[in-house]
Protein backbone atom coordinates (compact mmCIF):
# COMPACT_ATOMS: atom_id res chain seq x y z
CA UNK A 1 -31.54 100.45 129.39
CA UNK A 2 -28.35 98.78 128.24
CA UNK A 3 -28.29 96.23 125.44
CA UNK A 4 -27.37 93.44 127.87
CA UNK A 5 -30.29 94.28 130.17
CA UNK A 6 -32.64 94.20 127.17
CA UNK A 7 -31.48 90.65 126.45
CA UNK A 8 -31.65 89.52 130.06
CA UNK A 9 -35.16 90.86 130.74
CA UNK A 10 -36.84 90.14 127.40
CA UNK A 11 -38.78 86.89 127.84
CA UNK A 12 -40.98 87.64 124.84
CA UNK A 13 -37.94 87.72 122.55
CA UNK A 14 -36.50 84.60 124.19
CA UNK A 15 -39.68 82.58 123.68
CA UNK A 16 -39.81 83.80 120.07
CA UNK A 17 -36.25 82.55 119.54
CA UNK A 18 -37.03 79.22 121.22
CA UNK A 19 -39.96 78.72 118.85
CA UNK A 20 -37.96 79.94 115.85
CA UNK A 21 -35.21 77.46 116.62
CA UNK A 22 -37.73 74.62 116.31
CA UNK A 23 -38.39 75.51 112.67
CA UNK A 24 -35.21 77.17 111.40
CA UNK A 25 -31.65 78.11 112.25
CA UNK A 26 -30.90 81.01 114.53
CA UNK A 27 -28.28 83.55 113.61
CA UNK A 28 -25.12 83.59 115.70
CA UNK A 29 -26.33 86.77 117.42
CA UNK A 30 -29.71 85.18 118.21
CA UNK A 31 -28.04 82.06 119.64
CA UNK A 32 -25.87 84.16 121.95
CA UNK A 33 -28.82 86.32 123.05
CA UNK A 34 -30.90 83.24 123.81
CA UNK A 35 -28.10 81.56 125.77
CA UNK A 36 -27.54 84.69 127.84
CA UNK A 37 -31.25 84.97 128.58
CA UNK A 38 -31.69 81.28 129.41
CA UNK A 39 -28.73 81.38 131.76
CA UNK A 40 -30.62 83.72 134.07
CA UNK A 41 -34.29 82.94 133.41
CA UNK A 42 -35.73 79.77 134.88
CA UNK A 43 -39.17 80.50 133.40
CA UNK A 44 -37.83 80.49 129.84
CA UNK A 45 -35.79 77.36 130.53
CA UNK A 46 -39.04 75.65 131.53
CA UNK A 47 -40.74 77.06 128.42
CA UNK A 48 -37.89 75.66 126.30
CA UNK A 49 -38.33 72.17 127.80
CA UNK A 50 -42.11 72.28 127.39
CA UNK A 51 -41.80 73.55 123.83
CA UNK A 52 -39.40 70.75 122.94
CA UNK A 53 -41.77 68.15 124.42
CA UNK A 54 -44.74 69.59 122.53
CA UNK A 55 -42.79 69.60 119.27
CA UNK A 56 -41.78 65.98 119.78
CA UNK A 57 -45.39 65.00 120.51
CA UNK A 58 -46.63 66.79 117.39
CA UNK A 59 -43.93 65.09 115.30
CA UNK A 60 -45.03 61.71 116.68
CA UNK A 61 -48.65 62.56 115.95
CA UNK A 62 -47.89 63.47 112.35
CA UNK A 63 -45.60 60.47 111.97
CA UNK A 64 -48.36 58.14 113.14
CA UNK A 65 -50.81 59.97 110.87
CA UNK A 66 -48.76 58.94 107.84
CA UNK A 67 -49.11 55.26 108.72
CA UNK A 68 -51.70 53.32 106.73
CA UNK A 69 -55.14 53.41 108.29
CA UNK A 70 -54.53 56.56 110.35
CA UNK A 71 -55.75 59.85 108.88
CA UNK A 72 -56.12 63.36 110.23
CA UNK A 73 -59.36 65.09 109.36
CA UNK A 74 -58.81 67.64 106.55
CA UNK A 75 -60.77 70.32 108.45
CA UNK A 76 -58.57 69.77 111.49
CA UNK A 77 -55.41 70.05 109.39
CA UNK A 78 -56.65 73.26 107.75
CA UNK A 79 -57.63 74.79 111.09
CA UNK A 80 -54.28 73.85 112.59
CA UNK A 81 -52.41 75.38 109.64
CA UNK A 82 -54.42 78.62 109.94
CA UNK A 83 -53.71 78.86 113.66
CA UNK A 84 -49.99 78.30 113.09
CA UNK A 85 -49.88 80.99 110.41
CA UNK A 86 -51.78 83.44 112.63
CA UNK A 87 -49.28 82.92 115.45
CA UNK A 88 -46.32 83.32 113.11
CA UNK A 89 -47.71 86.56 111.71
CA UNK A 90 -48.17 88.22 115.11
């Protein structure tokens, strides 16, 4: 399979790059690969939109949690952190 076909048909890599972009910078190569994939994959374009919306909602949640009188349960925060780390280590 050619390198270009690997980029075009690799949704798993594309979703990884979409999620990575939310937390850090992509390399130039990764940006190009993601753009090529998104150009031809409507499913990953939808995933990108949904991911962005979820990230915005989480940011709003944590922003409101820093306001006086609003607190997140420590157990919930710890569980959430563990789940995030598990997903990142896959």
